[in-house]
Amino acid sequence: MPTPRIVRSGAFAGVATADLLDLMTTVVAILTVPPATGRHLDAVVVPTGQGEEARLRHAIALWESEPGIRFLLVPNGNPAERTYVTITLDYLRSLGLRRLDGVHIQRAPAPNTALQAAWIADEVGKRDIRSCVLTVSPYHLPRAFLTVIKALAVRKVRIPVIPAAVPVPPHARVPETGANAYDLLPGEFRRILTYANDGWIATPDESREYLAWLWANHRSLFTPS
């Protein structure tokens, strides 16, 4: 059964202090990756969900501003959500999409982040994508990033994935739940702990090794040249 999106402090009862420290250091390390310089990127990836059109608007704006980016990957969402919208080119056009060549939309429903990440990883392999920026709401970014790099690792694919938060304030209400980032972050943290144990997302050791590799080998992606 999925972890509820909104949890209270009791949800962390029994979690070892070492695991909580690993969680905090992992999240901070992800969020300290600098913004990417778009001209070096191969793809923009935007996991959808929770009725947050801001995710798509931000990704589309980046896509339109950088014609050198070859692909825009848009995973589907969860049809069970009250705010679910079928992702089509017409819908994306209404959010500002003009450049259609290279846009790929997941057709099958994706009721969870793991299914979105699996599709992303498959698209990366199929289209020989060499690098990407993963852009999503700040509260969801660490878990989305960990899920995507795990899906790539399972397929023995390693490319630079640059996490990039959509610029929305933490007090903004999410359409699906009416909650804000302050309300939702504890649930995200609880899911990270649970799903790492289930093998669905990168563990703290795996994420640390990946980020060390990213900084050592692909600094040019987020360093102006």
N, C-alpha and C. Protein backbone atom coordinates (compact mmCIF):
# COMPACT_ATOMS: atom_id res chain seq x y z
N MET A 1 0.86 -1.20 0.00
CA MET A 1 0.00 0.00 0.00
C MET A 1 0.89 1.25 0.00
N PRO A 2 0.64 2.23 -0.88
CA PRO A 2 1.49 3.41 -0.93
C PRO A 2 1.45 4.20 0.38
N THR A 3 2.57 4.82 0.70
CA THR A 3 2.62 5.71 1.85
C THR A 3 1.73 6.93 1.59
N PRO A 4 0.92 7.35 2.56
CA PRO A 4 0.09 8.55 2.34
C PRO A 4 0.95 9.76 1.99
N ARG A 5 0.37 10.68 1.24
CA ARG A 5 1.13 11.87 0.84
C ARG A 5 1.39 12.80 2.03
N ILE A 6 0.46 12.83 2.96
CA ILE A 6 0.63 13.68 4.14
C ILE A 6 0.75 12.77 5.36
N VAL A 7 1.88 12.86 6.05
CA VAL A 7 2.11 12.05 7.24
C VAL A 7 2.52 12.96 8.39
N ARG A 8 2.40 12.45 9.59
CA ARG A 8 2.80 13.20 10.77
C ARG A 8 4.08 12.61 11.34
N SER A 9 4.57 13.20 12.41
CA SER A 9 5.86 12.79 12.97
C SER A 9 5.87 11.33 13.38
N GLY A 10 4.70 10.80 13.75
CA GLY A 10 4.64 9.41 14.16
C GLY A 10 5.04 8.44 13.07
N ALA A 11 4.98 8.88 11.82
CA ALA A 11 5.36 8.01 10.70
C ALA A 11 6.84 7.66 10.73
N PHE A 12 7.62 8.40 11.51
CA PHE A 12 9.06 8.16 11.58
C PHE A 12 9.46 7.44 12.87
N ALA A 13 8.47 7.04 13.66
CA ALA A 13 8.77 6.29 14.87
C ALA A 13 9.46 4.98 14.49
N GLY A 14 10.53 4.69 15.17
CA GLY A 14 11.26 3.45 14.88
C GLY A 14 12.32 3.58 13.81
N VAL A 15 12.37 4.71 13.12
CA VAL A 15 13.42 4.91 12.11
C VAL A 15 14.72 5.27 12.82
N ALA A 16 15.78 4.56 12.50
CA ALA A 16 17.06 4.79 13.16
C ALA A 16 17.59 6.19 12.85
N THR A 17 18.26 6.77 13.83
CA THR A 17 18.84 8.10 13.65
C THR A 17 19.79 8.12 12.46
N ALA A 18 20.57 7.06 12.30
CA ALA A 18 21.52 6.99 11.17
C ALA A 18 20.79 7.05 9.84
N ASP A 19 19.63 6.40 9.76
CA ASP A 19 18.85 6.43 8.51
C ASP A 19 18.30 7.82 8.25
N LEU A 20 17.86 8.51 9.29
CA LEU A 20 17.36 9.88 9.12
C LEU A 20 18.49 10.82 8.68
N LEU A 21 19.67 10.63 9.24
CA LEU A 21 20.81 11.46 8.83
C LEU A 21 21.19 11.18 7.38
N ASP A 22 21.17 9.90 6.99
CA ASP A 22 21.44 9.56 5.59
C ASP A 22 20.43 10.23 4.67
N LEU A 23 19.16 10.21 5.09
CA LEU A 23 18.10 10.84 4.30
C LEU A 23 18.36 12.33 4.13
N MET A 24 18.67 13.01 5.21
CA MET A 24 18.88 14.46 5.15
C MET A 24 20.09 14.80 4.28
N THR A 25 21.19 14.07 4.45
CA THR A 25 22.38 14.38 3.65
C THR A 25 22.14 14.08 2.18
N THR A 26 21.38 13.03 1.89
CA THR A 26 21.06 12.71 0.50
C THR A 26 20.25 13.82 -0.15
N VAL A 27 19.21 14.28 0.53
CA VAL A 27 18.35 15.33 -0.01
C VAL A 27 19.15 16.62 -0.24
N VAL A 28 19.96 17.01 0.74
CA VAL A 28 20.75 18.24 0.60
C VAL A 28 21.74 18.11 -0.55
N ALA A 29 22.38 16.96 -0.68
CA ALA A 29 23.36 16.76 -1.76
C ALA A 29 22.71 16.89 -3.13
N ILE A 30 21.49 16.38 -3.26
CA ILE A 30 20.77 16.49 -4.54
C ILE A 30 20.46 17.96 -4.83
N LEU A 31 19.99 18.67 -3.83
CA LEU A 31 19.57 20.05 -4.03
C LEU A 31 20.74 21.02 -4.22
N THR A 32 21.96 20.58 -3.94
CA THR A 32 23.12 21.46 -4.14
C THR A 32 23.72 21.32 -5.53
N VAL A 33 23.18 20.44 -6.37
CA VAL A 33 23.64 20.39 -7.76
C VAL A 33 23.20 21.69 -8.44
N PRO A 34 24.12 22.44 -9.05
CA PRO A 34 23.75 23.73 -9.64
C PRO A 34 22.84 23.56 -10.85
N PRO A 35 22.16 24.63 -11.25
CA PRO A 35 21.33 24.57 -12.46
C PRO A 35 22.19 24.23 -13.67
N ALA A 36 21.58 23.52 -14.60
CA ALA A 36 22.30 23.15 -15.82
C ALA A 36 22.32 24.31 -16.80
N THR A 37 23.35 24.35 -17.61
CA THR A 37 23.38 25.28 -18.74
C THR A 37 22.75 24.55 -19.92
N GLY A 38 21.61 25.03 -20.37
CA GLY A 38 20.77 24.31 -21.33
C GLY A 38 21.46 23.91 -22.61
N ARG A 39 22.43 24.70 -23.07
CA ARG A 39 23.02 24.40 -24.37
C ARG A 39 23.78 23.08 -24.37
N HIS A 40 24.13 22.55 -23.19
CA HIS A 40 24.86 21.30 -23.13
C HIS A 40 23.95 20.09 -22.96
N LEU A 41 22.66 20.29 -22.81
CA LEU A 41 21.75 19.20 -22.47
C LEU A 41 21.14 18.56 -23.70
N ASP A 42 20.82 17.27 -23.56
CA ASP A 42 20.22 16.52 -24.65
C ASP A 42 18.70 16.44 -24.53
N ALA A 43 18.17 16.49 -23.30
CA ALA A 43 16.73 16.29 -23.10
C ALA A 43 16.25 17.03 -21.86
N VAL A 44 14.98 17.42 -21.91
CA VAL A 44 14.25 17.91 -20.74
C VAL A 44 13.24 16.83 -20.37
N VAL A 45 13.20 16.46 -19.10
CA VAL A 45 12.29 15.42 -18.61
C VAL A 45 11.42 16.03 -17.52
N VAL A 46 10.10 15.85 -17.63
CA VAL A 46 9.20 16.48 -16.67
C VAL A 46 8.13 15.49 -16.21
N PRO A 47 8.32 14.83 -15.07
CA PRO A 47 7.28 13.97 -14.52
C PRO A 47 6.04 14.79 -14.16
N THR A 48 4.89 14.35 -14.62
CA THR A 48 3.65 15.08 -14.38
C THR A 48 2.93 14.52 -13.16
N GLY A 49 1.92 15.26 -12.69
CA GLY A 49 1.11 14.75 -11.61
C GLY A 49 0.63 15.84 -10.67
N GLN A 50 -0.35 15.48 -9.84
CA GLN A 50 -0.88 16.34 -8.78
C GLN A 50 -1.53 17.62 -9.31
N GLY A 51 -1.85 17.63 -10.61
CA GLY A 51 -2.49 18.80 -11.19
C GLY A 51 -1.59 20.02 -11.29
N GLU A 52 -0.28 19.81 -11.19
CA GLU A 52 0.67 20.92 -11.16
C GLU A 52 1.11 21.30 -12.58
N GLU A 53 0.36 22.18 -13.19
CA GLU A 53 0.72 22.65 -14.53
C GLU A 53 2.03 23.42 -14.53
N ALA A 54 2.42 23.96 -13.39
CA ALA A 54 3.67 24.71 -13.32
C ALA A 54 4.86 23.85 -13.74
N ARG A 55 4.79 22.55 -13.46
CA ARG A 55 5.86 21.65 -13.89
C ARG A 55 6.01 21.70 -15.40
N LEU A 56 4.89 21.55 -16.09
CA LEU A 56 4.91 21.51 -17.55
C LEU A 56 5.26 22.87 -18.14
N ARG A 57 4.71 23.93 -17.59
CA ARG A 57 5.02 25.26 -18.12
C ARG A 57 6.52 25.56 -18.03
N HIS A 58 7.12 25.19 -16.91
CA HIS A 58 8.55 25.44 -16.72
C HIS A 58 9.37 24.61 -17.70
N ALA A 59 9.03 23.33 -17.84
CA ALA A 59 9.77 22.46 -18.76
C ALA A 59 9.64 22.95 -20.20
N ILE A 60 8.43 23.34 -20.57
CA ILE A 60 8.19 23.82 -21.94
C ILE A 60 8.96 25.11 -22.19
N ALA A 61 8.99 26.00 -21.21
CA ALA A 61 9.74 27.25 -21.38
C ALA A 61 11.23 26.97 -21.60
N LEU A 62 11.78 26.02 -20.86
CA LEU A 62 13.18 25.64 -21.06
C LEU A 62 13.39 25.04 -22.43
N TRP A 63 12.50 24.14 -22.82
CA TRP A 63 12.55 23.49 -24.13
C TRP A 63 12.51 24.51 -25.26
N GLU A 64 11.63 25.47 -25.17
CA GLU A 64 11.48 26.47 -26.23
C GLU A 64 12.66 27.44 -26.26
N SER A 65 13.29 27.66 -25.12
CA SER A 65 14.38 28.64 -25.06
C SER A 65 15.72 28.08 -25.51
N GLU A 66 15.82 26.76 -25.62
CA GLU A 66 17.09 26.12 -25.96
C GLU A 66 16.90 25.18 -27.14
N PRO A 67 16.97 25.67 -28.37
CA PRO A 67 16.73 24.82 -29.54
C PRO A 67 17.73 23.69 -29.72
N GLY A 68 18.87 23.75 -29.01
CA GLY A 68 19.84 22.66 -29.11
C GLY A 68 19.44 21.42 -28.33
N ILE A 69 18.47 21.54 -27.44
CA ILE A 69 17.97 20.37 -26.70
C ILE A 69 17.15 19.52 -27.66
N ARG A 70 17.48 18.23 -27.76
CA ARG A 70 16.88 17.38 -28.79
C ARG A 70 15.53 16.79 -28.41
N PHE A 71 15.30 16.56 -27.12
CA PHE A 71 14.11 15.82 -26.71
C PHE A 71 13.41 16.48 -25.52
N LEU A 72 12.09 16.40 -25.54
CA LEU A 72 11.26 16.73 -24.39
C LEU A 72 10.46 15.47 -24.05
N LEU A 73 10.74 14.89 -22.89
CA LEU A 73 10.07 13.66 -22.46
C LEU A 73 9.03 14.00 -21.40
N VAL A 74 7.79 13.58 -21.65
CA VAL A 74 6.68 13.89 -20.75
C VAL A 74 6.01 12.60 -20.30
N PRO A 75 6.38 12.07 -19.14
CA PRO A 75 5.70 10.89 -18.62
C PRO A 75 4.23 11.19 -18.30
N ASN A 76 3.41 10.16 -18.40
CA ASN A 76 2.00 10.28 -18.07
C ASN A 76 1.84 10.33 -16.56
N GLY A 77 0.62 10.59 -16.12
CA GLY A 77 0.32 10.64 -14.70
C GLY A 77 -0.63 9.54 -14.27
N ASN A 78 -1.31 9.78 -13.17
CA ASN A 78 -2.19 8.80 -12.55
C ASN A 78 -3.65 9.15 -12.84
N PRO A 79 -4.34 8.35 -13.66
CA PRO A 79 -5.74 8.66 -13.98
C PRO A 79 -6.67 8.68 -12.77
N ALA A 80 -6.22 8.08 -11.66
CA ALA A 80 -7.06 8.08 -10.46
C ALA A 80 -7.04 9.43 -9.74
N GLU A 81 -6.11 10.29 -10.09
CA GLU A 81 -6.07 11.61 -9.46
C GLU A 81 -7.23 12.48 -9.94
N ARG A 82 -7.79 13.23 -9.04
CA ARG A 82 -8.92 14.11 -9.36
C ARG A 82 -8.54 15.13 -10.42
N THR A 83 -7.29 15.58 -10.40
CA THR A 83 -6.84 16.64 -11.30
C THR A 83 -6.13 16.09 -12.54
N TYR A 84 -6.23 14.78 -12.76
CA TYR A 84 -5.53 14.17 -13.91
C TYR A 84 -6.02 14.77 -15.23
N VAL A 85 -5.07 15.05 -16.11
CA VAL A 85 -5.37 15.52 -17.46
C VAL A 85 -4.62 14.62 -18.44
N THR A 86 -5.30 14.17 -19.47
CA THR A 86 -4.63 13.38 -20.51
C THR A 86 -3.62 14.27 -21.22
N ILE A 87 -2.37 13.80 -21.28
CA ILE A 87 -1.31 14.59 -21.90
C ILE A 87 -1.37 14.39 -23.41
N THR A 88 -1.63 15.44 -24.13
CA THR A 88 -1.65 15.42 -25.59
C THR A 88 -0.84 16.61 -26.11
N LEU A 89 -0.52 16.57 -27.39
CA LEU A 89 0.18 17.72 -27.98
C LEU A 89 -0.67 18.98 -27.90
N ASP A 90 -1.98 18.83 -28.11
CA ASP A 90 -2.86 20.00 -28.02
C ASP A 90 -2.83 20.60 -26.62
N TYR A 91 -2.85 19.74 -25.61
CA TYR A 91 -2.78 20.23 -24.23
C TYR A 91 -1.45 20.94 -23.99
N LEU A 92 -0.35 20.36 -24.46
CA LEU A 92 0.95 20.99 -24.27
C LEU A 92 1.05 22.31 -25.04
N ARG A 93 0.41 22.37 -26.20
CA ARG A 93 0.37 23.64 -26.95
C ARG A 93 -0.32 24.73 -26.12
N SER A 94 -1.35 24.35 -25.40
CA SER A 94 -2.07 25.34 -24.59
C SER A 94 -1.20 25.89 -23.46
N LEU A 95 -0.11 25.18 -23.16
CA LEU A 95 0.81 25.62 -22.11
C LEU A 95 2.05 26.29 -22.68
N GLY A 96 2.06 26.50 -24.00
CA GLY A 96 3.16 27.24 -24.61
C GLY A 96 4.05 26.45 -25.54
N LEU A 97 3.76 25.17 -25.76
CA LEU A 97 4.60 24.36 -26.64
C LEU A 97 4.45 24.81 -28.09
N ARG A 98 5.57 25.04 -28.76
CA ARG A 98 5.57 25.38 -30.17
C ARG A 98 6.46 24.42 -30.97
N ARG A 99 7.56 24.02 -30.40
CA ARG A 99 8.52 23.15 -31.09
C ARG A 99 8.13 21.70 -30.84
N LEU A 100 7.62 21.01 -31.88
CA LEU A 100 7.03 19.68 -31.70
C LEU A 100 8.01 18.54 -31.97
N ASP A 101 8.97 18.77 -32.84
CA ASP A 101 9.91 17.70 -33.18
C ASP A 101 10.76 17.36 -31.96
N GLY A 102 10.75 16.08 -31.58
CA GLY A 102 11.51 15.65 -30.41
C GLY A 102 10.68 15.52 -29.15
N VAL A 103 9.39 15.86 -29.22
CA VAL A 103 8.51 15.72 -28.05
C VAL A 103 7.97 14.30 -28.00
N HIS A 104 8.12 13.64 -26.86
CA HIS A 104 7.63 12.28 -26.69
C HIS A 104 6.82 12.19 -25.40
N ILE A 105 5.61 11.64 -25.52
CA ILE A 105 4.66 11.56 -24.42
C ILE A 105 4.40 10.10 -24.09
N GLN A 106 4.42 9.76 -22.83
CA GLN A 106 4.09 8.40 -22.40
C GLN A 106 2.59 8.19 -22.57
N ARG A 107 2.22 7.18 -23.32
CA ARG A 107 0.79 6.95 -23.60
C ARG A 107 0.11 6.16 -22.49
N ALA A 108 0.80 5.18 -21.94
CA ALA A 108 0.19 4.33 -20.91
C ALA A 108 0.06 5.11 -19.60
N PRO A 109 -0.96 4.83 -18.81
CA PRO A 109 -1.06 5.46 -17.49
C PRO A 109 0.17 5.14 -16.64
N ALA A 110 0.56 6.08 -15.80
CA ALA A 110 1.71 5.88 -14.91
C ALA A 110 1.30 6.32 -13.51
N PRO A 111 0.65 5.43 -12.76
CA PRO A 111 0.09 5.83 -11.47
C PRO A 111 1.11 6.09 -10.37
N ASN A 112 2.40 5.86 -10.63
CA ASN A 112 3.40 6.15 -9.61
C ASN A 112 4.71 6.58 -10.25
N THR A 113 5.59 7.11 -9.43
CA THR A 113 6.86 7.65 -9.92
C THR A 113 7.74 6.55 -10.50
N ALA A 114 7.67 5.35 -9.95
CA ALA A 114 8.49 4.25 -10.46
C ALA A 114 8.14 3.92 -11.91
N LEU A 115 6.85 3.93 -12.25
CA LEU A 115 6.45 3.66 -13.63
C LEU A 115 6.87 4.80 -14.55
N GLN A 116 6.79 6.02 -14.07
CA GLN A 116 7.29 7.15 -14.86
C GLN A 116 8.79 7.00 -15.11
N ALA A 117 9.52 6.65 -14.06
CA ALA A 117 10.98 6.53 -14.18
C ALA A 117 11.37 5.39 -15.11
N ALA A 118 10.62 4.29 -15.08
CA ALA A 118 10.91 3.17 -15.98
C ALA A 118 10.74 3.61 -17.43
N TRP A 119 9.68 4.36 -17.71
CA TRP A 119 9.48 4.85 -19.08
C TRP A 119 10.59 5.82 -19.47
N ILE A 120 10.97 6.71 -18.57
CA ILE A 120 12.06 7.65 -18.85
C ILE A 120 13.33 6.89 -19.19
N ALA A 121 13.67 5.90 -18.38
CA ALA A 121 14.90 5.13 -18.61
C ALA A 121 14.85 4.39 -19.94
N ASP A 122 13.69 3.84 -20.27
CA ASP A 122 13.55 3.16 -21.57
C ASP A 122 13.72 4.14 -22.73
N GLU A 123 13.16 5.33 -22.59
CA GLU A 123 13.30 6.34 -23.64
C GLU A 123 14.76 6.79 -23.79
N VAL A 124 15.45 6.91 -22.69
CA VAL A 124 16.87 7.28 -22.74
C VAL A 124 17.65 6.27 -23.56
N GLY A 125 17.40 4.98 -23.30
CA GLY A 125 18.09 3.95 -24.07
C GLY A 125 17.68 3.91 -25.52
N LYS A 126 16.38 4.02 -25.77
CA LYS A 126 15.85 3.92 -27.13
C LYS A 126 16.34 5.06 -28.01
N ARG A 127 16.45 6.25 -27.44
CA ARG A 127 16.75 7.45 -28.24
C ARG A 127 18.20 7.92 -28.09
N ASP A 128 18.99 7.10 -27.42
CA ASP A 128 20.41 7.41 -27.23
C ASP A 128 20.59 8.81 -26.64
N ILE A 129 19.84 9.09 -25.61
CA ILE A 129 19.93 10.38 -24.92
C ILE A 129 21.19 10.39 -24.06
N ARG A 130 21.98 11.44 -24.17
CA ARG A 130 23.29 11.50 -23.51
C ARG A 130 23.26 12.26 -22.18
N SER A 131 22.29 13.11 -21.98
CA SER A 131 22.19 13.88 -20.74
C SER A 131 20.78 14.45 -20.65
N CYS A 132 20.34 14.77 -19.44
CA CYS A 132 19.00 15.36 -19.32
C CYS A 132 18.91 16.20 -18.07
N VAL A 133 17.96 17.12 -18.10
CA VAL A 133 17.58 17.85 -16.91
C VAL A 133 16.23 17.30 -16.46
N LEU A 134 16.12 16.98 -15.18
CA LEU A 134 14.88 16.46 -14.60
C LEU A 134 14.25 17.59 -13.81
N THR A 135 13.11 18.08 -14.29
CA THR A 135 12.50 19.24 -13.63
C THR A 135 11.13 18.88 -13.09
N VAL A 136 10.93 19.20 -11.81
CA VAL A 136 9.69 18.87 -11.14
C VAL A 136 9.59 19.77 -9.90
N SER A 137 8.46 19.73 -9.24
CA SER A 137 8.25 20.57 -8.06
C SER A 137 9.32 20.30 -7.00
N PRO A 138 9.76 21.33 -6.28
CA PRO A 138 10.86 21.15 -5.33
C PRO A 138 10.63 20.04 -4.30
N TYR A 139 9.42 19.94 -3.75
CA TYR A 139 9.18 18.94 -2.72
C TYR A 139 9.33 17.52 -3.25
N HIS A 140 9.07 17.32 -4.54
CA HIS A 140 9.11 15.99 -5.14
C HIS A 140 10.45 15.69 -5.82
N LEU A 141 11.28 16.70 -5.99
CA LEU A 141 12.50 16.53 -6.78
C LEU A 141 13.46 15.47 -6.23
N PRO A 142 13.77 15.44 -4.93
CA PRO A 142 14.71 14.42 -4.48
C PRO A 142 14.24 12.99 -4.76
N ARG A 143 12.98 12.70 -4.48
CA ARG A 143 12.49 11.33 -4.72
C ARG A 143 12.43 11.01 -6.20
N ALA A 144 11.99 11.97 -7.02
CA ALA A 144 11.95 11.73 -8.46
C ALA A 144 13.36 11.46 -8.99
N PHE A 145 14.33 12.25 -8.56
CA PHE A 145 15.71 12.07 -8.99
C PHE A 145 16.23 10.69 -8.59
N LEU A 146 16.03 10.30 -7.34
CA LEU A 146 16.50 9.00 -6.87
C LEU A 146 15.84 7.85 -7.62
N THR A 147 14.58 8.02 -7.98
CA THR A 147 13.86 6.97 -8.71
C THR A 147 14.37 6.85 -10.13
N VAL A 148 14.64 7.97 -10.77
CA VAL A 148 15.12 7.94 -12.16
C VAL A 148 16.52 7.35 -12.24
N ILE A 149 17.44 7.77 -11.36
CA ILE A 149 18.79 7.21 -11.47
C ILE A 149 18.80 5.72 -11.11
N LYS A 150 17.87 5.28 -10.27
CA LYS A 150 17.76 3.85 -9.99
C LYS A 150 17.27 3.09 -11.22
N ALA A 151 16.24 3.62 -11.89
CA ALA A 151 15.72 2.96 -13.09
C ALA A 151 16.78 2.87 -14.17
N LEU A 152 17.59 3.91 -14.31
CA LEU A 152 18.69 3.86 -15.28
C LEU A 152 19.72 2.82 -14.88
N ALA A 153 20.06 2.77 -13.59
CA ALA A 153 21.06 1.82 -13.12
C ALA A 153 20.61 0.38 -13.33
N VAL A 154 19.34 0.11 -13.11
CA VAL A 154 18.80 -1.24 -13.33
C VAL A 154 19.01 -1.66 -14.77
N ARG A 155 18.94 -0.71 -15.69
CA ARG A 155 19.13 -0.99 -17.12
C ARG A 155 20.59 -0.85 -17.54
N LYS A 156 21.45 -0.66 -16.55
CA LYS A 156 22.90 -0.50 -16.80
C LYS A 156 23.19 0.68 -17.74
N VAL A 157 22.43 1.74 -17.54
CA VAL A 157 22.61 2.98 -18.30
C VAL A 157 23.03 4.07 -17.32
N ARG A 158 24.06 4.81 -17.67
CA ARG A 158 24.47 5.92 -16.82
C ARG A 158 24.66 7.16 -17.69
N ILE A 159 23.85 8.14 -17.44
CA ILE A 159 24.00 9.44 -18.09
C ILE A 159 23.88 10.51 -17.01
N PRO A 160 24.38 11.71 -17.27
CA PRO A 160 24.16 12.79 -16.31
C PRO A 160 22.70 13.22 -16.27
N VAL A 161 22.12 13.18 -15.09
CA VAL A 161 20.77 13.67 -14.84
C VAL A 161 20.90 14.87 -13.90
N ILE A 162 20.50 16.03 -14.37
CA ILE A 162 20.63 17.25 -13.58
C ILE A 162 19.28 17.57 -12.94
N PRO A 163 19.19 17.52 -11.59
CA PRO A 163 17.92 17.86 -10.94
C PRO A 163 17.68 19.36 -10.97
N ALA A 164 16.48 19.75 -11.34
CA ALA A 164 16.16 21.19 -11.45
C ALA A 164 14.76 21.44 -10.92
N ALA A 165 14.67 22.18 -9.84
CA ALA A 165 13.37 22.45 -9.22
C ALA A 165 12.59 23.49 -10.02
N VAL A 166 11.31 23.23 -10.20
CA VAL A 166 10.40 24.23 -10.76
C VAL A 166 10.30 25.39 -9.76
N PRO A 167 10.38 26.63 -10.22
CA PRO A 167 10.34 27.76 -9.29
C PRO A 167 8.93 28.04 -8.77
N VAL A 168 8.55 27.33 -7.73
CA VAL A 168 7.27 27.58 -7.06
C VAL A 168 7.54 27.75 -5.57
N PRO A 169 6.84 28.64 -4.89
CA PRO A 169 7.09 28.87 -3.47
C PRO A 169 6.59 27.70 -2.62
N PRO A 170 7.21 27.46 -1.47
CA PRO A 170 6.82 26.30 -0.65
C PRO A 170 5.43 26.40 -0.06
N HIS A 171 4.86 27.62 -0.01
CA HIS A 171 3.51 27.76 0.55
C HIS A 171 2.42 27.61 -0.51
N ALA A 172 2.82 27.45 -1.78
CA ALA A 172 1.82 27.30 -2.85
C ALA A 172 1.04 26.01 -2.68
N ARG A 173 -0.27 26.07 -2.88
CA ARG A 173 -1.12 24.89 -2.71
C ARG A 173 -1.06 24.01 -3.95
N VAL A 174 -0.90 22.72 -3.73
CA VAL A 174 -0.89 21.74 -4.82
C VAL A 174 -2.34 21.42 -5.18
N PRO A 175 -2.73 21.53 -6.44
CA PRO A 175 -4.14 21.38 -6.80
C PRO A 175 -4.77 20.06 -6.35
N GLU A 176 -4.05 18.96 -6.44
CA GLU A 176 -4.65 17.66 -6.14
C GLU A 176 -5.07 17.54 -4.68
N THR A 177 -4.23 17.98 -3.76
CA THR A 177 -4.49 17.77 -2.34
C THR A 177 -4.84 19.05 -1.58
N GLY A 178 -4.52 20.21 -2.15
CA GLY A 178 -4.68 21.45 -1.42
C GLY A 178 -3.58 21.68 -0.39
N ALA A 179 -2.64 20.74 -0.32
CA ALA A 179 -1.52 20.86 0.62
C ALA A 179 -0.39 21.66 -0.02
N ASN A 180 0.55 22.12 0.80
CA ASN A 180 1.72 22.80 0.26
C ASN A 180 2.97 21.96 0.52
N ALA A 181 4.12 22.49 0.12
CA ALA A 181 5.35 21.71 0.24
C ALA A 181 5.68 21.39 1.69
N TYR A 182 5.36 22.30 2.60
CA TYR A 182 5.61 22.03 4.01
C TYR A 182 4.82 20.81 4.48
N ASP A 183 3.59 20.69 3.98
CA ASP A 183 2.75 19.55 4.35
C ASP A 183 3.24 18.25 3.70
N LEU A 184 3.74 18.36 2.47
CA LEU A 184 4.03 17.18 1.66
C LEU A 184 5.43 16.61 1.85
N LEU A 185 6.37 17.44 2.30
CA LEU A 185 7.75 16.95 2.43
C LEU A 185 7.90 15.77 3.38
N PRO A 186 7.25 15.75 4.55
CA PRO A 186 7.40 14.58 5.41
C PRO A 186 6.97 13.28 4.72
N GLY A 187 5.88 13.34 3.95
CA GLY A 187 5.45 12.15 3.21
C GLY A 187 6.46 11.73 2.16
N GLU A 188 7.08 12.72 1.49
CA GLU A 188 8.13 12.40 0.53
C GLU A 188 9.31 11.73 1.22
N PHE A 189 9.69 12.24 2.39
CA PHE A 189 10.81 11.64 3.12
C PHE A 189 10.48 10.22 3.56
N ARG A 190 9.24 10.02 4.01
CA ARG A 190 8.84 8.68 4.43
C ARG A 190 8.88 7.72 3.25
N ARG A 191 8.46 8.16 2.09
CA ARG A 191 8.49 7.33 0.89
C ARG A 191 9.91 7.00 0.48
N ILE A 192 10.81 7.98 0.58
CA ILE A 192 12.20 7.70 0.23
C ILE A 192 12.75 6.58 1.11
N LEU A 193 12.50 6.65 2.40
CA LEU A 193 12.99 5.61 3.31
C LEU A 193 12.39 4.25 2.96
N THR A 194 11.09 4.22 2.71
CA THR A 194 10.41 2.96 2.42
C THR A 194 10.84 2.39 1.08
N TYR A 195 10.86 3.23 0.06
CA TYR A 195 11.12 2.73 -1.30
C TYR A 195 12.58 2.36 -1.51
N ALA A 196 13.50 2.98 -0.76
CA ALA A 196 14.90 2.55 -0.84
C ALA A 196 15.04 1.12 -0.32
N ASN A 197 14.33 0.81 0.75
CA ASN A 197 14.35 -0.55 1.28
C ASN A 197 13.72 -1.54 0.32
N ASP A 198 12.75 -1.07 -0.47
CA ASP A 198 12.07 -1.94 -1.43
C ASP A 198 12.83 -2.07 -2.75
N GLY A 199 13.91 -1.30 -2.91
CA GLY A 199 14.70 -1.38 -4.13
C GLY A 199 14.18 -0.56 -5.28
N TRP A 200 13.26 0.37 -5.02
CA TRP A 200 12.66 1.17 -6.09
C TRP A 200 13.44 2.45 -6.37
N ILE A 201 14.21 2.92 -5.40
CA ILE A 201 14.97 4.15 -5.59
C ILE A 201 16.42 3.93 -5.16
N ALA A 202 17.29 4.83 -5.57
CA ALA A 202 18.70 4.72 -5.20
C ALA A 202 18.86 4.86 -3.69
N THR A 203 19.72 4.04 -3.13
CA THR A 203 20.04 4.12 -1.71
C THR A 203 20.96 5.31 -1.46
N PRO A 204 21.15 5.69 -0.20
CA PRO A 204 22.10 6.77 0.08
C PRO A 204 23.49 6.52 -0.50
N ASP A 205 23.99 5.29 -0.37
CA ASP A 205 25.32 4.98 -0.92
C ASP A 205 25.31 5.10 -2.44
N GLU A 206 24.25 4.61 -3.08
CA GLU A 206 24.17 4.68 -4.55
C GLU A 206 24.08 6.13 -5.02
N SER A 207 23.29 6.93 -4.33
CA SER A 207 23.15 8.33 -4.75
C SER A 207 24.45 9.10 -4.51
N ARG A 208 25.13 8.80 -3.43
CA ARG A 208 26.41 9.47 -3.15
C ARG A 208 27.43 9.14 -4.24
N GLU A 209 27.49 7.88 -4.62
CA GLU A 209 28.43 7.48 -5.67
C GLU A 209 28.07 8.12 -7.00
N TYR A 210 26.76 8.19 -7.30
CA TYR A 210 26.32 8.79 -8.55
C TYR A 210 26.66 10.28 -8.59
N LEU A 211 26.39 10.99 -7.51
CA LEU A 211 26.66 12.43 -7.49
C LEU A 211 28.16 12.71 -7.57
N ALA A 212 28.98 11.87 -6.95
CA ALA A 212 30.43 12.04 -7.07
C ALA A 212 30.86 11.88 -8.53
N TRP A 213 30.28 10.88 -9.20
CA TRP A 213 30.57 10.66 -10.63
C TRP A 213 30.11 11.86 -11.45
N LEU A 214 28.92 12.38 -11.16
CA LEU A 214 28.38 13.51 -11.91
C LEU A 214 29.30 14.73 -11.79
N TRP A 215 29.70 15.05 -10.58
CA TRP A 215 30.56 16.21 -10.36
C TRP A 215 31.94 16.01 -10.99
N ALA A 216 32.47 14.80 -10.92
CA ALA A 216 33.82 14.54 -11.42
C ALA A 216 33.89 14.54 -12.94
N ASN A 217 32.80 14.10 -13.59
CA ASN A 217 32.87 13.86 -15.03
C ASN A 217 32.03 14.82 -15.88
N HIS A 218 31.10 15.54 -15.26
CA HIS A 218 30.18 16.35 -16.07
C HIS A 218 29.96 17.74 -15.49
N ARG A 219 31.00 18.28 -14.89
CA ARG A 219 30.91 19.62 -14.32
C ARG A 219 30.54 20.66 -15.37
N SER A 220 30.92 20.41 -16.63
CA SER A 220 30.64 21.37 -17.70
C SER A 220 29.14 21.58 -17.93
N LEU A 221 28.31 20.62 -17.49
CA LEU A 221 26.87 20.76 -17.68
C LEU A 221 26.29 21.88 -16.83
N PHE A 222 26.95 22.21 -15.74
CA PHE A 222 26.45 23.30 -14.92
C PHE A 222 27.51 24.36 -14.62
N THR A 223 28.51 24.43 -15.50
CA THR A 223 29.53 25.47 -15.40
C THR A 223 29.57 26.25 -16.71
N PRO A 224 29.31 27.54 -16.71
CA PRO A 224 29.36 28.31 -17.96
C PRO A 224 30.73 28.20 -18.60
N SER A 225 30.74 28.09 -19.93
CA SER A 225 32.01 27.99 -20.64
C SER A 225 31.98 28.89 -21.87
